[in-house]
Protein backbone atom coordinates (compact mmCIF):
# COMPACT_ATOMS: atom_id res chain seq x y z
CA MET A 1 0.00 0.00 0.00
CA HIS A 2 2.87 2.37 0.84
CA LEU A 3 4.49 1.78 -2.56
CA LEU A 4 1.22 2.47 -4.35
CA ARG A 5 0.81 5.76 -2.48
CA ARG A 6 4.39 6.79 -3.34
CA LEU A 7 3.86 5.94 -7.02
CA HIS A 8 0.67 7.99 -7.01
CA GLU A 9 2.49 10.95 -5.42
CA PHE A 10 5.30 10.64 -7.96
CA ALA A 11 2.87 10.48 -10.90
CA GLY A 12 0.99 13.50 -9.56
CA HIS A 13 4.21 15.46 -9.20
CA GLU A 14 5.32 14.59 -12.73
CA LEU A 15 1.91 15.62 -14.08
CA SER A 16 2.22 18.93 -12.25
CA LEU A 17 5.68 19.50 -13.78
CA ALA A 18 4.30 18.74 -17.25
CA GLN A 19 1.45 21.21 -16.73
CA ASP A 20 3.90 23.87 -15.56
CA GLN A 21 6.00 23.28 -18.68
CA MET A 22 2.96 23.63 -20.95
CA LEU A 23 2.08 26.93 -19.30
CA LEU A 24 5.67 28.08 -19.57
CA LEU A 25 5.76 27.32 -23.29
CA GLY A 26 2.43 29.05 -23.81
CA ARG A 27 2.08 32.74 -24.29
CA LYS A 28 4.60 34.05 -21.77
CA PRO A 29 7.18 36.54 -23.03
CA ALA A 30 10.83 35.46 -23.11
CA LYS A 31 11.89 37.26 -19.91
CA GLU A 32 9.10 35.60 -17.94
CA LYS A 33 9.95 32.18 -19.40
CA VAL A 34 13.60 32.49 -18.39
CA ALA A 35 12.68 33.73 -14.90
CA ALA A 36 10.29 30.80 -14.38
CA PHE A 37 12.91 28.38 -15.71
CA LEU A 38 15.55 29.61 -13.25
CA LEU A 39 13.16 29.42 -10.30
CA ASN A 40 11.95 25.95 -11.30
CA LEU A 41 15.53 24.76 -11.66
CA GLN A 42 16.39 26.15 -8.23
CA ALA A 43 13.39 24.31 -6.74
CA ARG A 44 14.41 21.05 -8.41
CA TYR A 45 17.95 21.31 -7.05
CA ALA A 46 16.53 22.11 -3.60
CA ARG A 47 14.74 18.74 -3.65
CA ILE A 48 18.02 16.84 -4.00
CA ALA A 49 20.37 19.16 -2.09
CA THR A 50 20.23 22.24 0.08
CA ARG A 51 18.54 25.32 -1.35
CA SER A 52 21.12 27.71 -2.75
CA VAL A 53 21.09 31.11 -4.40
CA THR A 54 23.53 29.73 -6.96
CA VAL A 55 21.76 27.63 -9.57
CA PRO A 56 23.98 25.33 -11.65
CA LEU A 57 23.17 25.37 -15.35
CA PRO A 58 24.19 21.97 -16.72
CA MET A 59 22.60 22.90 -20.06
CA SER A 60 23.99 25.10 -22.80
CA ARG A 61 22.10 28.25 -23.72
CA GLN A 62 21.00 26.47 -26.89
CA ASP A 63 19.54 23.63 -24.80
CA ILE A 64 17.76 26.16 -22.58
CA ALA A 65 16.42 27.90 -25.68
CA ASP A 66 15.12 24.63 -27.11
CA TYR A 67 13.51 23.73 -23.77
CA LEU A 68 11.77 27.11 -23.54
CA GLY A 69 10.81 27.40 -27.20
CA LEU A 70 13.09 30.41 -27.71
CA THR A 71 16.17 31.16 -29.77
CA PHE A 72 19.73 31.01 -28.47
CA GLU A 73 20.07 34.75 -29.02
CA THR A 74 16.92 35.52 -27.04
CA VAL A 75 18.05 33.44 -24.05
CA SER A 76 21.47 35.13 -24.11
CA ARG A 77 19.87 38.57 -24.39
CA VAL A 78 17.45 37.92 -21.50
CA LEU A 79 20.17 36.53 -19.21
CA THR A 80 22.36 39.56 -19.98
CA LYS A 81 19.45 41.93 -19.30
CA LEU A 82 18.64 40.21 -15.99
CA ALA A 83 22.32 40.49 -15.03
CA ARG A 84 22.40 44.21 -15.93
CA GLU A 85 19.27 44.72 -13.81
CA LYS A 86 21.09 43.02 -10.89
CA VAL A 87 18.47 40.26 -10.70
CA ILE A 88 21.03 37.54 -11.40
CA LEU A 89 24.80 37.25 -11.53
CA ILE A 90 26.21 34.99 -14.22
CA VAL A 91 28.89 32.75 -12.68
CA PRO A 92 30.89 29.88 -14.15
CA ASP A 93 28.51 26.94 -14.79
CA GLY A 94 25.43 28.75 -13.51
CA VAL A 95 23.73 31.85 -12.19
CA ARG A 96 23.38 33.37 -8.75
CA LEU A 97 19.90 34.62 -7.97
CA LEU A 98 20.42 38.09 -6.48
CA ASP A 99 16.75 39.10 -6.41
CA ALA A 100 14.55 36.02 -6.21
CA GLY A 101 11.55 38.21 -5.40
CA ARG A 102 11.89 40.04 -8.70
CA LEU A 103 12.32 36.74 -10.56
CA ASP A 104 9.18 35.47 -8.85
CA GLN A 105 7.27 38.57 -9.98
CA LEU A 106 8.44 38.07 -13.54
CA ALA A 107 7.59 34.37 -13.54
CA ALA A 108 4.08 35.06 -12.22
CA ALA A 109 3.35 37.73 -14.84
């Protein structure tokens, strides 16, 4: 019975992630897509390790663009803009979330 409950929880969580991805790929502008992506990635890492303001990016910008339905140039432009606005800091192999509240506002828009 315990295994069945865990499988049900897992399936529900995966369904929720798929729904979030469909919404993300919907009609959101690029900046909001990238903000939501960074916050979702931070939450995923928090499930397997301690929550950190530094989010590793094991994907290339092209992979991120493909995942979000954007172009490489758009992802690069948005990350640079967020860095200029002091919302994130681009670090080797990832980004540091300097203003998670602002990212949350963008992702919710």
